[in-house]
PDB file of N, CA and C in Angstrom:
ATOM      1  N   MET A   1      19.773   6.855 -11.633  1.00  0.00           N
ATOM      2  CA  MET A   1      19.282   6.548 -10.331  1.00  0.00           C
ATOM      3  C   MET A   1      19.380   5.050 -10.140  1.00  0.00           C
ATOM      4  N   ALA A   2      19.959   4.635  -9.061  1.00  0.00           N
ATOM      5  CA  ALA A   2      20.070   3.218  -8.741  1.00  0.00           C
ATOM      6  C   ALA A   2      18.897   2.828  -7.864  1.00  0.00           C
ATOM      7  N   CYS A   3      18.198   1.811  -8.233  1.00  0.00           N
ATOM      8  CA  CYS A   3      17.033   1.378  -7.469  1.00  0.00           C
ATOM      9  C   CYS A   3      17.212  -0.036  -6.970  1.00  0.00           C
ATOM     10  N   SER A   4      16.813  -0.225  -5.761  1.00  0.00           N
ATOM     11  CA  SER A   4      16.742  -1.521  -5.145  1.00  0.00           C
ATOM     12  C   SER A   4      15.315  -1.592  -4.611  1.00  0.00           C
ATOM     13  N   PRO A   5      14.690  -2.623  -4.319  1.00  0.00           N
ATOM     14  CA  PRO A   5      15.262  -3.941  -4.256  1.00  0.00           C
ATOM     15  C   PRO A   5      15.250  -4.663  -5.596  1.00  0.00           C
ATOM     16  N   SER A   6      16.138  -5.607  -5.697  1.00  0.00           N
ATOM     17  CA  SER A   6      16.155  -6.537  -6.819  1.00  0.00           C
ATOM     18  C   SER A   6      16.087  -7.925  -6.206  1.00  0.00           C
ATOM     19  N   PRO A   7      15.867  -8.950  -6.995  1.00  0.00           N
ATOM     20  CA  PRO A   7      15.811 -10.295  -6.417  1.00  0.00           C
ATOM     21  C   PRO A   7      17.071 -10.664  -5.640  1.00  0.00           C
ATOM     22  N   ALA A   8      18.196 -10.102  -6.010  1.00  0.00           N
ATOM     23  CA  ALA A   8      19.439 -10.443  -5.327  1.00  0.00           C
ATOM     24  C   ALA A   8      19.595  -9.701  -4.000  1.00  0.00           C
ATOM     25  N   LEU A   9      18.812  -8.627  -3.780  1.00  0.00           N
ATOM     26  CA  LEU A   9      19.028  -7.792  -2.605  1.00  0.00           C
ATOM     27  C   LEU A   9      17.896  -7.820  -1.594  1.00  0.00           C
ATOM     28  N   THR A  10      16.791  -8.458  -1.896  1.00  0.00           N
ATOM     29  CA  THR A  10      15.679  -8.438  -0.961  1.00  0.00           C
ATOM     30  C   THR A  10      14.908  -9.743  -1.018  1.00  0.00           C
ATOM     31  N   SER A  11      14.158  -9.994   0.002  1.00  0.00           N
ATOM     32  CA  SER A  11      13.363 -11.218   0.014  1.00  0.00           C
ATOM     33  C   SER A  11      11.869 -10.926  -0.004  1.00  0.00           C
ATOM     34  N   ALA A  12      11.477  -9.670   0.183  1.00  0.00           N
ATOM     35  CA  ALA A  12      10.051  -9.344   0.216  1.00  0.00           C
ATOM     36  C   ALA A  12       9.801  -8.038  -0.517  1.00  0.00           C
ATOM     37  N   PRO A  13       8.680  -7.947  -1.248  1.00  0.00           N
ATOM     38  CA  PRO A  13       8.369  -6.690  -1.919  1.00  0.00           C
ATOM     39  C   PRO A  13       8.085  -5.595  -0.897  1.00  0.00           C
ATOM     40  N   ALA A  14       8.472  -4.372  -1.215  1.00  0.00           N
ATOM     41  CA  ALA A  14       8.309  -3.256  -0.295  1.00  0.00           C
ATOM     42  C   ALA A  14       6.960  -2.567  -0.461  1.00  0.00           C
ATOM     43  N   TYR A  15       6.258  -2.845  -1.536  1.00  0.00           N
ATOM     44  CA  TYR A  15       4.982  -2.193  -1.804  1.00  0.00           C
ATOM     45  C   TYR A  15       3.877  -3.238  -1.748  1.00  0.00           C
ATOM     46  N   PRO A  16       2.710  -2.879  -1.168  1.00  0.00           N
ATOM     47  CA  PRO A  16       1.641  -3.866  -1.023  1.00  0.00           C
ATOM     48  C   PRO A  16       1.164  -4.448  -2.352  1.00  0.00           C
ATOM     49  N   ASP A  17       1.211  -3.666  -3.418  1.00  0.00           N
ATOM     50  CA  ASP A  17       0.739  -4.177  -4.703  1.00  0.00           C
ATOM     51  C   ASP A  17       1.876  -4.765  -5.536  1.00  0.00           C
ATOM     52  N   ASP A  18       3.018  -5.035  -4.917  1.00  0.00           N
ATOM     53  CA  ASP A  18       4.188  -5.634  -5.564  1.00  0.00           C
ATOM     54  C   ASP A  18       4.839  -4.738  -6.618  1.00  0.00           C
ATOM     55  N   THR A  19       4.528  -3.450  -6.607  1.00  0.00           N
ATOM     56  CA  THR A  19       5.166  -2.515  -7.527  1.00  0.00           C
ATOM     57  C   THR A  19       6.573  -2.249  -7.045  1.00  0.00           C
ATOM     58  N   PRO A  20       7.604  -2.553  -7.849  1.00  0.00           N
ATOM     59  CA  PRO A  20       8.971  -2.277  -7.405  1.00  0.00           C
ATOM     60  C   PRO A  20       9.229  -0.776  -7.338  1.00  0.00           C
ATOM     61  N   PRO A  21      10.120  -0.348  -6.439  1.00  0.00           N
ATOM     62  CA  PRO A  21      10.410   1.080  -6.306  1.00  0.00           C
ATOM     63  C   PRO A  21      10.848   1.729  -7.614  1.00  0.00           C
ATOM     64  N   SER A  22      11.568   1.008  -8.456  1.00  0.00           N
ATOM     65  CA  SER A  22      12.015   1.607  -9.712  1.00  0.00           C
ATOM     66  C   SER A  22      10.832   1.991 -10.586  1.00  0.00           C
ATOM     67  N   THR A  23       9.799   1.175 -10.603  1.00  0.00           N
ATOM     68  CA  THR A  23       8.604   1.477 -11.387  1.00  0.00           C
ATOM     69  C   THR A  23       7.819   2.612 -10.746  1.00  0.00           C
ATOM     70  N   ALA A  24       7.703   2.607  -9.435  1.00  0.00           N
ATOM     71  CA  ALA A  24       6.957   3.647  -8.735  1.00  0.00           C
ATOM     72  C   ALA A  24       7.645   5.005  -8.845  1.00  0.00           C
ATOM     73  N   SER A  25       8.971   5.031  -8.900  1.00  0.00           N
ATOM     74  CA  SER A  25       9.727   6.289  -8.947  1.00  0.00           C
ATOM     75  C   SER A  25       9.791   6.893 -10.338  1.00  0.00           C
ATOM     76  N   ALA A  26       9.666   6.094 -11.371  1.00  0.00           N
ATOM     77  CA  ALA A  26       9.850   6.562 -12.746  1.00  0.00           C
ATOM     78  C   ALA A  26       8.994   7.774 -13.101  1.00  0.00           C
ATOM     79  N   PRO A  27       7.687   7.798 -12.798  1.00  0.00           N
ATOM     80  CA  PRO A  27       6.895   8.966 -13.168  1.00  0.00           C
ATOM     81  C   PRO A  27       7.294  10.236 -12.406  1.00  0.00           C
ATOM     82  N   LEU A  28       7.866  10.069 -11.230  1.00  0.00           N
ATOM     83  CA  LEU A  28       8.269  11.228 -10.431  1.00  0.00           C
ATOM     84  C   LEU A  28       9.547  11.875 -10.948  1.00  0.00           C
ATOM     85  N   LEU A  29      10.349  11.114 -11.651  1.00  0.00           N
ATOM     86  CA  LEU A  29      11.651  11.573 -12.120  1.00  0.00           C
ATOM     87  C   LEU A  29      11.803  11.258 -13.608  1.00  0.00           C
ATOM     88  N   PRO A  30      11.075  11.969 -14.461  1.00  0.00           N
ATOM     89  CA  PRO A  30      11.056  11.592 -15.882  1.00  0.00           C
ATOM     90  C   PRO A  30      12.398  11.710 -16.591  1.00  0.00           C
ATOM     91  N   LEU A  31      13.322  12.522 -16.090  1.00  0.00           N
ATOM     92  CA  LEU A  31      14.624  12.666 -16.740  1.00  0.00           C
ATOM     93  C   LEU A  31      15.685  11.739 -16.149  1.00  0.00           C
ATOM     94  N   ALA A  32      15.320  10.989 -15.127  1.00  0.00           N
ATOM     95  CA  ALA A  32      16.287  10.094 -14.482  1.00  0.00           C
ATOM     96  C   ALA A  32      16.537   8.863 -15.335  1.00  0.00           C
ATOM     97  N   GLU A  33      17.760   8.398 -15.289  1.00  0.00           N
ATOM     98  CA  GLU A  33      18.109   7.122 -15.908  1.00  0.00           C
ATOM     99  C   GLU A  33      18.056   6.076 -14.808  1.00  0.00           C
ATOM    100  N   LEU A  34      17.053   5.225 -14.853  1.00  0.00           N
ATOM    101  CA  LEU A  34      16.861   4.240 -13.796  1.00  0.00           C
ATOM    102  C   LEU A  34      17.712   3.007 -14.046  1.00  0.00           C
ATOM    103  N   ARG A  35      18.367   2.548 -12.999  1.00  0.00           N
ATOM    104  CA  ARG A  35      19.210   1.351 -13.074  1.00  0.00           C
ATOM    105  C   ARG A  35      18.871   0.456 -11.911  1.00  0.00           C
ATOM    106  N   VAL A  36      18.730  -0.807 -12.198  1.00  0.00           N
ATOM    107  CA  VAL A  36      18.393  -1.783 -11.170  1.00  0.00           C
ATOM    108  C   VAL A  36      19.496  -2.836 -11.156  1.00  0.00           C
ATOM    109  N   PRO A  37      20.035  -3.174  -9.978  1.00  0.00           N
ATOM    110  CA  PRO A  37      21.100  -4.176  -9.927  1.00  0.00           C
ATOM    111  C   PRO A  37      20.605  -5.521 -10.436  1.00  0.00           C
ATOM    112  N   SER A  38      21.514  -6.238 -11.032  1.00  0.00           N
ATOM    113  CA  SER A  38      21.207  -7.589 -11.502  1.00  0.00           C
ATOM    114  C   SER A  38      22.081  -8.572 -10.741  1.00  0.00           C
ATOM    115  N   ARG A  39      21.912  -9.816 -11.030  1.00  0.00           N
ATOM    116  CA  ARG A  39      22.743 -10.838 -10.386  1.00  0.00           C
ATOM    117  C   ARG A  39      24.213 -10.683 -10.777  1.00  0.00           C
ATOM    118  N   ASP A  40      24.471 -10.065 -11.936  1.00  0.00           N
ATOM    119  CA  ASP A  40      25.837  -9.904 -12.428  1.00  0.00           C
ATOM    120  C   ASP A  40      26.479  -8.581 -12.016  1.00  0.00           C
ATOM    121  N   THR A  41      25.710  -7.688 -11.428  1.00  0.00           N
ATOM    122  CA  THR A  41      26.218  -6.361 -11.069  1.00  0.00           C
ATOM    123  C   THR A  41      25.967  -6.110  -9.591  1.00  0.00           C
ATOM    124  N   SER A  42      27.009  -5.795  -8.861  1.00  0.00           N
ATOM    125  CA  SER A  42      26.830  -5.514  -7.438  1.00  0.00           C
ATOM    126  C   SER A  42      26.258  -4.116  -7.248  1.00  0.00           C
ATOM    127  N   ARG A  43      25.649  -3.903  -6.107  1.00  0.00           N
ATOM    128  CA  ARG A  43      25.087  -2.597  -5.777  1.00  0.00           C
ATOM    129  C   ARG A  43      26.164  -1.526  -5.828  1.00  0.00           C
ATOM    130  N   ASN A  44      27.333  -1.812  -5.279  1.00  0.00           N
ATOM    131  CA  ASN A  44      28.401  -0.812  -5.245  1.00  0.00           C
ATOM    132  C   ASN A  44      28.915  -0.473  -6.640  1.00  0.00           C
ATOM    133  N   ASP A  45      29.041  -1.474  -7.517  1.00  0.00           N
ATOM    134  CA  ASP A  45      29.455  -1.217  -8.897  1.00  0.00           C
ATOM    135  C   ASP A  45      28.420  -0.353  -9.609  1.00  0.00           C
ATOM    136  N   LEU A  46      27.152  -0.653  -9.385  1.00  0.00           N
ATOM    137  CA  LEU A  46      26.076   0.115 -10.007  1.00  0.00           C
ATOM    138  C   LEU A  46      26.100   1.562  -9.523  1.00  0.00           C
ATOM    139  N   LEU A  47      26.290   1.761  -8.235  1.00  0.00           N
ATOM    140  CA  LEU A  47      26.349   3.113  -7.679  1.00  0.00           C
ATOM    141  C   LEU A  47      27.555   3.882  -8.212  1.00  0.00           C
ATOM    142  N   ASP A  48      28.698   3.207  -8.315  1.00  0.00           N
ATOM    143  CA  ASP A  48      29.895   3.863  -8.855  1.00  0.00           C
ATOM    144  C   ASP A  48      29.685   4.316 -10.296  1.00  0.00           C
ATOM    145  N   ARG A  49      29.086   3.446 -11.097  1.00  0.00           N
ATOM    146  CA  ARG A  49      28.834   3.817 -12.508  1.00  0.00           C
ATOM    147  C   ARG A  49      27.810   4.939 -12.611  1.00  0.00           C
ATOM    148  N   ALA A  50      26.761   4.865 -11.808  1.00  0.00           N
ATOM    149  CA  ALA A  50      25.740   5.917 -11.826  1.00  0.00           C
ATOM    150  C   ALA A  50      26.333   7.258 -11.374  1.00  0.00           C
ATOM    151  N   ALA A  51      27.197   7.219 -10.371  1.00  0.00           N
ATOM    152  CA  ALA A  51      27.835   8.447  -9.891  1.00  0.00           C
ATOM    153  C   ALA A  51      28.761   9.035 -10.944  1.00  0.00           C
ATOM    154  N   ARG A  52      29.511   8.187 -11.616  1.00  0.00           N
ATOM    155  CA  ARG A  52      30.399   8.647 -12.689  1.00  0.00           C
ATOM    156  C   ARG A  52      29.590   9.339 -13.792  1.00  0.00           C
ATOM    157  N   ASP A  53      28.482   8.715 -14.166  1.00  0.00           N
ATOM    158  CA  ASP A  53      27.628   9.302 -15.199  1.00  0.00           C
ATOM    159  C   ASP A  53      27.004  10.617 -14.725  1.00  0.00           C
ATOM    160  N   ALA A  54      26.600  10.682 -13.467  1.00  0.00           N
ATOM    161  CA  ALA A  54      26.023  11.910 -12.913  1.00  0.00           C
ATOM    162  C   ALA A  54      27.045  13.042 -12.911  1.00  0.00           C
ATOM    163  N   GLU A  55      28.293  12.719 -12.602  1.00  0.00           N
ATOM    164  CA  GLU A  55      29.355  13.731 -12.635  1.00  0.00           C
ATOM    165  C   GLU A  55      29.515  14.320 -14.032  1.00  0.00           C
ATOM    166  N   GLN A  56      29.442  13.473 -15.041  1.00  0.00           N
ATOM    167  CA  GLN A  56      29.658  13.918 -16.419  1.00  0.00           C
ATOM    168  C   GLN A  56      28.598  14.905 -16.880  1.00  0.00           C
ATOM    169  N   VAL A  57      27.395  14.810 -16.355  1.00  0.00           N
ATOM    170  CA  VAL A  57      26.316  15.713 -16.777  1.00  0.00           C
ATOM    171  C   VAL A  57      25.959  16.721 -15.683  1.00  0.00           C
ATOM    172  N   GLN A  58      26.801  16.793 -14.664  1.00  0.00           N
ATOM    173  CA  GLN A  58      26.579  17.666 -13.515  1.00  0.00           C
ATOM    174  C   GLN A  58      25.198  17.422 -12.914  1.00  0.00           C
ATOM    175  N   GLY A  59      24.895  16.153 -12.744  1.00  0.00           N
ATOM    176  CA  GLY A  59      23.603  15.751 -12.208  1.00  0.00           C
ATOM    177  C   GLY A  59      23.687  15.362 -10.747  1.00  0.00           C
ATOM    178  N   ALA A  60      22.724  14.591 -10.331  1.00  0.00           N
ATOM    179  CA  ALA A  60      22.643  14.119  -8.952  1.00  0.00           C
ATOM    180  C   ALA A  60      22.552  12.600  -8.965  1.00  0.00           C
ATOM    181  N   LEU A  61      22.869  12.013  -7.837  1.00  0.00           N
ATOM    182  CA  LEU A  61      22.743  10.575  -7.663  1.00  0.00           C
ATOM    183  C   LEU A  61      21.451  10.325  -6.907  1.00  0.00           C
ATOM    184  N   GLY A  62      20.625   9.438  -7.423  1.00  0.00           N
ATOM    185  CA  GLY A  62      19.381   9.079  -6.755  1.00  0.00           C
ATOM    186  C   GLY A  62      19.381   7.617  -6.400  1.00  0.00           C
ATOM    187  N   VAL A  63      18.657   7.270  -5.364  1.00  0.00           N
ATOM    188  CA  VAL A  63      18.610   5.890  -4.925  1.00  0.00           C
ATOM    189  C   VAL A  63      17.285   5.630  -4.221  1.00  0.00           C
ATOM    190  N   CYS A  64      16.752   4.441  -4.427  1.00  0.00           N
ATOM    191  CA  CYS A  64      15.624   4.004  -3.608  1.00  0.00           C
ATOM    192  C   CYS A  64      15.968   2.622  -3.087  1.00  0.00           C
ATOM    193  N   GLY A  65      15.743   2.430  -1.819  1.00  0.00           N
ATOM    194  CA  GLY A  65      16.084   1.160  -1.208  1.00  0.00           C
ATOM    195  C   GLY A  65      16.026   1.261   0.300  1.00  0.00           C
ATOM    196  N   GLY A  66      16.587   0.282   0.937  1.00  0.00           N
ATOM    197  CA  GLY A  66      16.608   0.251   2.391  1.00  0.00           C
ATOM    198  C   GLY A  66      17.813   0.988   2.954  1.00  0.00           C
ATOM    199  N   ASP A  67      18.013   0.845   4.242  1.00  0.00           N
ATOM    200  CA  ASP A  67      19.089   1.559   4.932  1.00  0.00           C
ATOM    201  C   ASP A  67      20.457   1.307   4.316  1.00  0.00           C
ATOM    202  N   GLY A  68      20.766   0.065   3.979  1.00  0.00           N
ATOM    203  CA  GLY A  68      22.085  -0.255   3.432  1.00  0.00           C
ATOM    204  C   GLY A  68      22.312   0.374   2.073  1.00  0.00           C
ATOM    205  N   THR A  69      21.297   0.334   1.218  1.00  0.00           N
ATOM    206  CA  THR A  69      21.420   0.912  -0.120  1.00  0.00           C
ATOM    207  C   THR A  69      21.555   2.428  -0.046  1.00  0.00           C
ATOM    208  N   VAL A  70      20.716   3.058   0.776  1.00  0.00           N
ATOM    209  CA  VAL A  70      20.769   4.517   0.911  1.00  0.00           C
ATOM    210  C   VAL A  70      22.097   4.946   1.538  1.00  0.00           C
ATOM    211  N   SER A  71      22.574   4.206   2.517  1.00  0.00           N
ATOM    212  CA  SER A  71      23.861   4.519   3.145  1.00  0.00           C
ATOM    213  C   SER A  71      25.009   4.394   2.150  1.00  0.00           C
ATOM    214  N   ALA A  72      24.994   3.341   1.345  1.00  0.00           N
ATOM    215  CA  ALA A  72      26.042   3.153   0.334  1.00  0.00           C
ATOM    216  C   ALA A  72      26.008   4.292  -0.684  1.00  0.00           C
ATOM    217  N   ALA A  73      24.818   4.696  -1.106  1.00  0.00           N
ATOM    218  CA  ALA A  73      24.689   5.803  -2.059  1.00  0.00           C
ATOM    219  C   ALA A  73      25.158   7.115  -1.434  1.00  0.00           C
ATOM    220  N   ALA A  74      24.860   7.320  -0.164  1.00  0.00           N
ATOM    221  CA  ALA A  74      25.301   8.543   0.516  1.00  0.00           C
ATOM    222  C   ALA A  74      26.825   8.607   0.563  1.00  0.00           C
ATOM    223  N   ASP A  75      27.469   7.484   0.819  1.00  0.00           N
ATOM    224  CA  ASP A  75      28.935   7.447   0.826  1.00  0.00           C
ATOM    225  C   ASP A  75      29.500   7.829  -0.541  1.00  0.00           C
ATOM    226  N   VAL A  76      28.923   7.251  -1.604  1.00  0.00           N
ATOM    227  CA  VAL A  76      29.396   7.531  -2.966  1.00  0.00           C
ATOM    228  C   VAL A  76      29.156   9.001  -3.316  1.00  0.00           C
ATOM    229  N   ALA A  77      27.970   9.511  -2.988  1.00  0.00           N
ATOM    230  CA  ALA A  77      27.644  10.906  -3.292  1.00  0.00           C
ATOM    231  C   ALA A  77      28.578  11.852  -2.538  1.00  0.00           C
ATOM    232  N   LEU A  78      28.867  11.546  -1.298  1.00  0.00           N
ATOM    233  CA  LEU A  78      29.764  12.391  -0.499  1.00  0.00           C
ATOM    234  C   LEU A  78      31.174  12.381  -1.069  1.00  0.00           C
ATOM    235  N   GLU A  79      31.663  11.206  -1.431  1.00  0.00           N
ATOM    236  CA  GLU A  79      33.013  11.094  -2.005  1.00  0.00           C
ATOM    237  C   GLU A  79      33.161  11.915  -3.284  1.00  0.00           C
ATOM    238  N   ARG A  80      32.072  12.008  -4.057  1.00  0.00           N
ATOM    239  CA  ARG A  80      32.124  12.668  -5.365  1.00  0.00           C
ATOM    240  C   ARG A  80      31.474  14.043  -5.366  1.00  0.00           C
ATOM    241  N   SER A  81      31.067  14.527  -4.204  1.00  0.00           N
ATOM    242  CA  SER A  81      30.412  15.841  -4.069  1.00  0.00           C
ATOM    243  C   SER A  81      29.174  15.960  -4.955  1.00  0.00           C
ATOM    244  N   LEU A  82      28.360  14.907  -4.963  1.00  0.00           N
ATOM    245  CA  LEU A  82      27.121  14.905  -5.737  1.00  0.00           C
ATOM    246  C   LEU A  82      25.929  15.137  -4.816  1.00  0.00           C
ATOM    247  N   LEU A  83      24.898  15.776  -5.346  1.00  0.00           N
ATOM    248  CA  LEU A  83      23.631  15.842  -4.642  1.00  0.00           C
ATOM    249  C   LEU A  83      23.049  14.440  -4.590  1.00  0.00           C
ATOM    250  N   LEU A  84      22.302  14.143  -3.530  1.00  0.00           N
ATOM    251  CA  LEU A  84      21.706  12.821  -3.372  1.00  0.00           C
ATOM    252  C   LEU A  84      20.213  12.954  -3.211  1.00  0.00           C
ATOM    253  N   TRP A  85      19.475  12.209  -4.011  1.00  0.00           N
ATOM    254  CA  TRP A  85      18.022  12.078  -3.859  1.00  0.00           C
ATOM    255  C   TRP A  85      17.778  10.664  -3.390  1.00  0.00           C
ATOM    256  N   SER A  86      16.991  10.497  -2.337  1.00  0.00           N
ATOM    257  CA  SER A  86      16.751   9.138  -1.863  1.00  0.00           C
ATOM    258  C   SER A  86      15.280   8.924  -1.531  1.00  0.00           C
ATOM    259  N   SER A  87      14.876   7.680  -1.690  1.00  0.00           N
ATOM    260  CA  SER A  87      13.534   7.236  -1.363  1.00  0.00           C
ATOM    261  C   SER A  87      13.663   5.868  -0.738  1.00  0.00           C
ATOM    262  N   ARG A  88      13.016   5.689   0.369  1.00  0.00           N
ATOM    263  CA  ARG A  88      13.089   4.386   1.032  1.00  0.00           C
ATOM    264  C   ARG A  88      12.157   3.398   0.369  1.00  0.00           C
ATOM    265  N   ALA A  89      12.623   2.180   0.261  1.00  0.00           N
ATOM    266  CA  ALA A  89      11.782   1.118  -0.320  1.00  0.00           C
ATOM    267  C   ALA A  89      10.783   0.651   0.695  1.00  0.00           C
TER     268      ALA A  89
END
């Protein structure tokens, strides 16, 4: 599952207590492999790698973030015929 926001993708925390979406989502999806973009990895590269890994295990692509992140994940999931789980940041 690719999670945003990261320092490179947002300027304000999405949760009042500053809990990042990746931390908030972890208990809900205990079998998910959570990935957060870094300064060295673009969102699209992260989504492509996560989708490739999901294909190998016949899994789904998950994403938490804003409109741009969810839209990018939807494009990748559609291209690869993957189920998409999304949560807005």
